[in-house]
Amino acid sequence: MNKQQLFENIQKKQSFLCVGLDTDIKKIPPHLLQEEDPIFAFNKAIIDATADYCIAYKPNLAFYESLGTKGLLAFEKTVAYLRENYPDQFIIADAKRGDIGNTSEMYARSFFDYMHVDAVTVAPYMGEDSVKPFLIYPEAWVILLALTSNKGSHDFQLTEDAQGERLFEKVLRKSQEWASDEQMMYVVGATQGRMFEDIRKIVPNHFLLVPGVGAQGGSLAEVVKYGMNDHCGLIVNSSRAIIYADKTENFAQAARDAAKAVQEEMA
C-alpha cells in the first residue's frame, strides 16, 4: 500500500486509527481458551468488530513469539485473514528489528516475502546498513523508532550532542538520506505532547505511527494539534483500551464501541 492509497483510506473512513493486536493469552476472555487456536479466535473477533473504524492493525510480535510456534502460527493466520477479508487494512508487524546487514536481510525476507505485511518497525541504533535491507522492497514500509512513549526514552533519545542536537533529531535527519516519505515512517509516542512540533520541523511530510493513546495516557487532541499535516500524516495506535475493553463474551462488541468512539473523535 503506497502513501496515497493510505491517505485515501483515511479520508474514506474518516479515521487514522490503528488497532494494536497485543494479544495476551492471559488476558483474553476465558471462554476462548476452549478454542483450538484461542489467539487467532480472539484476533478474528476483534478484527471483524473493529475493521469499520480503523485503517490499520499492528500485531506486536512479542505476544506471539512468547507462545512459540503456536503463537507464530496465530500471527500468520491473523495476517492471512486480514489480507483475504480486509485488503484495505494496513498491516504493521511491530517487531522492532535491527541488526547487521545480512541478519536484517533475513528479517526483511521473513516479513515481506513470507508474512506479507505492509510495514515493520525497525530500531535505528546500528545505523544505515541495518536498515537498508528492509528498504529494497519498494511496496513495503520501514517504521523507524524515533521518540518513543516509554519513561526510558529519556535515557538516550533526548540526550544532546555538543551542538545541542538531540539523538532523536539526529535519527530523523540522518535517516532521510536512506529513504523518502513514500517508504519510511517514524514511531513517535503520544505522550510526547508538544515535542511533535519539533519533529514536524524536521519531517513535515512523513507519516508518524503514534502509540500511547488510551491505556498509556497519551492525548489524541494533543497529537492532532501538534502532529497532523496536510495529508493527515498520523497513524494513531490504541491497543489495550480497545481489545481489552471487556473480558466477557461481549468483548467484541465492547471493542467495537471503543473503536467507534475513537473514530468519531478523529472524524
Protein backbone atom coordinates (compact mmCIF):
# COMPACT_ATOMS: atom_id res chain seq x y z
CA MET A 1 0.00 0.00 0.00
CA ASN A 2 1.52 3.30 -1.04
CA LYS A 3 1.23 6.67 0.68
CA GLN A 4 -1.61 7.95 -1.49
CA GLN A 5 -3.66 4.78 -1.02
CA LEU A 6 -3.18 5.03 2.73
CA PHE A 7 -4.33 8.65 2.74
CA GLU A 8 -7.35 7.84 0.58
CA ASN A 9 -8.41 5.15 3.03
CA ILE A 10 -8.04 7.61 5.90
CA GLN A 11 -10.29 10.06 4.06
CA LYS A 12 -12.84 7.39 3.20
CA LYS A 13 -13.14 6.08 6.75
CA GLN A 14 -12.63 9.44 8.45
CA SER A 15 -10.20 7.60 10.68
CA PHE A 16 -6.48 7.23 11.26
CA LEU A 17 -6.89 4.61 13.96
CA CYS A 18 -4.63 1.58 14.20
CA VAL A 19 -5.78 -1.24 16.46
CA GLY A 20 -2.88 -2.90 18.24
CA LEU A 21 -3.26 -6.66 18.42
CA ASP A 22 -1.21 -7.12 21.59
CA THR A 23 -2.97 -10.39 22.27
CA ASP A 24 -2.02 -11.87 25.64
CA ILE A 25 -3.21 -15.42 26.29
CA LYS A 26 -3.58 -14.46 29.99
CA LYS A 27 -5.90 -11.53 29.26
CA ILE A 28 -8.31 -12.80 26.62
CA PRO A 29 -11.82 -13.82 27.74
CA PRO A 30 -11.64 -17.24 29.43
CA HIS A 31 -14.28 -18.86 27.22
CA LEU A 32 -11.92 -18.53 24.23
CA LEU A 33 -9.41 -20.88 25.84
CA GLN A 34 -11.63 -23.73 24.69
CA GLU A 35 -10.92 -22.83 21.06
CA GLU A 36 -8.37 -24.76 19.03
CA ASP A 37 -6.43 -21.51 18.49
CA PRO A 38 -7.51 -19.02 21.18
CA ILE A 39 -5.22 -16.21 19.99
CA PHE A 40 -6.50 -16.33 16.41
CA ALA A 41 -10.10 -16.69 17.60
CA PHE A 42 -9.70 -13.54 19.68
CA ASN A 43 -7.97 -11.62 16.87
CA LYS A 44 -10.58 -12.64 14.32
CA ALA A 45 -13.42 -11.44 16.54
CA ILE A 46 -11.64 -8.14 17.28
CA ILE A 47 -10.91 -7.56 13.59
CA ASP A 48 -14.47 -8.30 12.49
CA ALA A 49 -15.78 -5.94 15.17
CA THR A 50 -13.43 -3.00 14.57
CA ALA A 51 -12.48 -3.02 10.87
CA ASP A 52 -15.15 -0.43 10.00
CA TYR A 53 -13.49 2.13 12.26
CA CYS A 54 -9.75 1.69 11.68
CA ILE A 55 -7.30 1.79 8.80
CA ALA A 56 -4.54 -0.41 10.24
CA TYR A 57 -3.73 -3.29 12.56
CA LYS A 58 -0.48 -3.69 14.47
CA PRO A 59 0.27 -7.13 15.88
CA ASN A 60 3.16 -6.92 18.36
CA LEU A 61 5.39 -9.91 17.67
CA ALA A 62 6.41 -10.37 21.30
CA PHE A 63 2.91 -11.53 22.22
CA TYR A 64 3.04 -14.23 19.54
CA GLU A 65 6.67 -15.29 19.92
CA SER A 66 6.06 -15.82 23.66
CA LEU A 67 3.88 -18.82 22.72
CA GLY A 68 6.43 -20.44 20.41
CA THR A 69 5.34 -21.98 17.14
CA LYS A 70 1.64 -21.88 18.10
CA GLY A 71 1.85 -18.14 18.60
CA LEU A 72 3.66 -17.54 15.33
CA LEU A 73 1.06 -19.64 13.53
CA ALA A 74 -1.67 -17.47 15.08
CA PHE A 75 0.17 -14.38 13.84
CA GLU A 76 0.43 -15.78 10.30
CA LYS A 77 -3.25 -16.76 10.32
CA THR A 78 -4.17 -13.27 11.51
CA VAL A 79 -2.24 -11.61 8.67
CA ALA A 80 -3.74 -14.03 6.12
CA TYR A 81 -7.25 -13.36 7.46
CA LEU A 82 -6.75 -9.61 7.08
CA ARG A 83 -5.34 -9.98 3.58
CA GLU A 84 -8.28 -12.12 2.44
CA ASN A 85 -11.15 -10.32 4.14
CA TYR A 86 -9.99 -6.74 4.73
CA PRO A 87 -7.49 -5.93 1.97
CA ASP A 88 -7.75 -2.18 2.62
CA GLN A 89 -6.17 -2.56 6.06
CA PHE A 90 -2.53 -1.51 6.53
CA ILE A 91 -0.72 -4.29 8.42
CA ILE A 92 2.20 -3.36 10.67
CA ALA A 93 4.43 -6.02 12.19
CA ASP A 94 5.59 -4.40 15.41
CA ALA A 95 8.83 -6.33 15.68
CA LYS A 96 11.43 -3.61 16.39
CA ARG A 97 14.10 -5.47 14.44
CA GLY A 98 17.59 -4.13 13.79
CA ASP A 99 20.85 -5.98 13.30
CA ILE A 100 23.86 -6.13 10.99
CA GLY A 101 23.13 -6.15 7.28
CA ASN A 102 22.92 -9.84 6.46
CA THR A 103 20.75 -10.53 9.53
CA SER A 104 18.46 -7.63 8.73
CA GLU A 105 18.13 -9.05 5.23
CA MET A 106 16.77 -12.26 6.74
CA TYR A 107 14.34 -10.33 8.92
CA ALA A 108 13.16 -8.37 5.88
CA ARG A 109 12.62 -11.59 3.93
CA SER A 110 10.55 -13.10 6.71
CA PHE A 111 8.20 -10.12 6.99
CA PHE A 112 7.90 -9.05 3.37
CA ASP A 113 8.49 -12.21 1.31
CA TYR A 114 6.86 -14.71 3.65
CA MET A 115 4.45 -12.98 6.04
CA HIS A 116 3.35 -10.29 3.54
CA VAL A 117 2.86 -7.41 5.95
CA ASP A 118 2.90 -3.78 4.76
CA ALA A 119 5.35 -2.43 7.30
CA VAL A 120 7.75 -3.42 10.06
CA THR A 121 9.09 -1.38 12.96
CA VAL A 122 12.88 -1.13 12.95
CA ALA A 123 15.40 0.09 15.55
CA PRO A 124 17.91 2.56 14.06
CA TYR A 125 20.68 2.20 16.66
CA MET A 126 23.02 0.17 14.42
CA GLY A 127 22.78 2.63 11.56
CA GLU A 128 22.22 2.63 7.80
CA ASP A 129 23.38 -0.87 6.90
CA SER A 130 20.99 -2.37 9.45
CA VAL A 131 18.01 -0.54 7.92
CA LYS A 132 18.78 -0.67 4.18
CA PRO A 133 17.83 -4.37 3.71
CA PHE A 134 14.24 -3.52 4.65
CA LEU A 135 14.14 -0.78 2.03
CA ILE A 136 14.82 -2.95 -1.01
CA TYR A 137 11.10 -3.80 -1.07
CA PRO A 138 9.54 -0.83 -2.93
CA GLU A 139 5.96 -1.64 -1.85
CA ALA A 140 6.85 -2.05 1.83
CA TRP A 141 7.43 0.44 4.63
CA VAL A 142 10.04 0.83 7.34
CA ILE A 143 8.74 2.46 10.53
CA LEU A 144 11.82 3.72 12.34
CA LEU A 145 11.84 4.23 16.10
CA ALA A 146 12.39 7.93 16.75
CA LEU A 147 10.89 9.17 20.02
CA THR A 148 9.05 6.54 21.99
CA SER A 149 6.40 6.81 24.70
CA ASN A 150 8.11 4.90 27.50
CA LYS A 151 9.80 6.52 30.50
CA GLY A 152 13.20 5.16 29.45
CA SER A 153 13.08 7.14 26.19
CA HIS A 154 14.80 9.93 28.15
CA ASP A 155 17.85 7.74 28.78
CA PHE A 156 19.15 8.08 25.22
CA GLN A 157 16.66 9.65 22.81
CA LEU A 158 16.71 13.09 24.42
CA THR A 159 20.45 13.30 25.04
CA GLU A 160 22.18 16.20 23.25
CA ASP A 161 25.48 16.41 21.41
CA ALA A 162 27.91 19.34 21.62
CA GLN A 163 25.81 21.29 19.10
CA GLY A 164 22.60 20.78 21.07
CA GLU A 165 21.11 18.27 18.65
CA ARG A 166 19.11 15.58 20.42
CA LEU A 167 19.61 11.95 19.45
CA PHE A 168 16.06 11.52 18.10
CA GLU A 169 16.59 14.60 15.91
CA LYS A 170 19.79 13.09 14.54
CA VAL A 171 17.88 9.89 13.72
CA LEU A 172 15.20 11.87 11.87
CA ARG A 173 17.70 13.89 9.85
CA LYS A 174 20.15 11.12 9.01
CA SER A 175 17.51 8.54 8.07
CA GLN A 176 16.06 10.83 5.41
CA GLU A 177 19.21 10.06 3.41
CA TRP A 178 18.11 6.42 3.28
CA ALA A 179 14.50 6.69 2.06
CA SER A 180 11.76 9.18 1.28
CA ASP A 181 8.38 9.77 2.92
CA GLU A 182 6.99 7.26 0.39
CA GLN A 183 8.73 4.40 2.18
CA MET A 184 9.66 5.49 5.69
CA MET A 185 7.60 6.44 8.71
CA TYR A 186 8.60 7.16 12.30
CA VAL A 187 7.40 5.98 15.69
CA VAL A 188 6.61 8.92 17.98
CA GLY A 189 4.88 8.28 21.28
CA ALA A 190 1.61 10.04 22.02
CA THR A 191 2.91 11.04 25.46
CA GLN A 192 5.45 13.41 23.88
CA GLY A 193 2.90 16.24 23.50
CA ARG A 194 4.39 19.44 22.08
CA MET A 195 7.54 17.58 21.01
CA PHE A 196 5.57 16.83 17.86
CA GLU A 197 6.21 20.44 16.86
CA ASP A 198 9.96 19.84 16.89
CA ILE A 199 9.52 16.61 14.97
CA ARG A 200 7.38 18.22 12.28
CA LYS A 201 10.08 20.84 11.70
CA ILE A 202 12.38 18.02 10.56
CA VAL A 203 9.92 15.60 8.94
CA PRO A 204 6.92 17.69 7.84
CA ASN A 205 5.60 15.20 5.27
CA HIS A 206 6.24 11.78 6.80
CA PHE A 207 3.62 9.58 8.39
CA LEU A 208 4.08 9.08 12.12
CA LEU A 209 3.00 5.93 13.91
CA VAL A 210 1.80 7.12 17.29
CA PRO A 211 1.39 4.59 20.11
CA GLY A 212 0.44 5.56 23.63
CA VAL A 213 -3.15 6.78 23.22
CA GLY A 214 -5.55 5.11 25.61
CA ALA A 215 -4.08 2.93 28.35
CA GLN A 216 -0.74 4.78 28.30
CA GLY A 217 -2.44 8.15 28.79
CA GLY A 218 -1.50 9.96 25.58
CA SER A 219 -3.84 12.71 24.41
CA LEU A 220 -5.34 12.31 20.95
CA ALA A 221 -6.20 16.03 20.91
CA GLU A 222 -2.55 16.98 21.54
CA VAL A 223 -1.27 14.54 18.95
CA VAL A 224 -3.60 16.02 16.33
CA LYS A 225 -2.89 19.62 17.32
CA TYR A 226 0.88 19.32 17.06
CA GLY A 227 1.40 16.34 14.76
CA MET A 228 -1.11 16.41 11.91
CA ASN A 229 -0.04 17.67 8.48
CA ASP A 230 -1.90 18.42 5.23
CA HIS A 231 -2.20 14.70 4.41
CA CYS A 232 -3.09 13.70 7.98
CA GLY A 233 0.35 12.14 8.44
CA LEU A 234 -0.73 10.20 11.51
CA ILE A 235 -1.50 6.58 12.31
CA VAL A 236 -2.58 6.56 15.93
CA ASN A 237 -2.45 3.20 17.68
CA SER A 238 -4.61 2.04 20.55
CA SER A 239 -4.22 -1.47 21.89
CA ARG A 240 -5.38 -2.35 25.40
CA ALA A 241 -8.10 0.33 25.60
CA ILE A 242 -9.84 -1.31 22.63
CA ILE A 243 -9.07 -5.00 22.62
CA TYR A 244 -9.49 -5.43 26.39
CA ALA A 245 -12.46 -3.09 26.81
CA ASP A 246 -14.39 -6.09 28.13
CA LYS A 247 -13.40 -9.59 29.24
CA THR A 248 -16.77 -11.28 28.98
CA GLU A 249 -18.40 -12.96 26.00
CA ASN A 250 -19.38 -9.44 24.88
CA PHE A 251 -15.74 -8.46 24.36
CA ALA A 252 -16.04 -7.95 20.60
CA GLN A 253 -18.98 -5.55 20.88
CA ALA A 254 -17.15 -3.61 23.60
CA ALA A 255 -14.09 -3.38 21.35
CA ARG A 256 -16.29 -2.14 18.51
CA ASP A 257 -17.81 0.53 20.73
CA ALA A 258 -14.36 1.65 21.91
CA ALA A 259 -13.00 1.82 18.35
CA LYS A 260 -16.07 3.71 17.19
CA ALA A 261 -15.62 6.30 19.93
CA VAL A 262 -12.04 6.95 18.85
CA GLN A 263 -13.01 7.12 15.18
CA GLU A 264 -15.75 9.63 15.91
CA GLU A 265 -13.28 11.85 17.74
CA MET A 266 -10.88 11.56 14.80
CA ALA A 267 -13.61 12.39 12.27
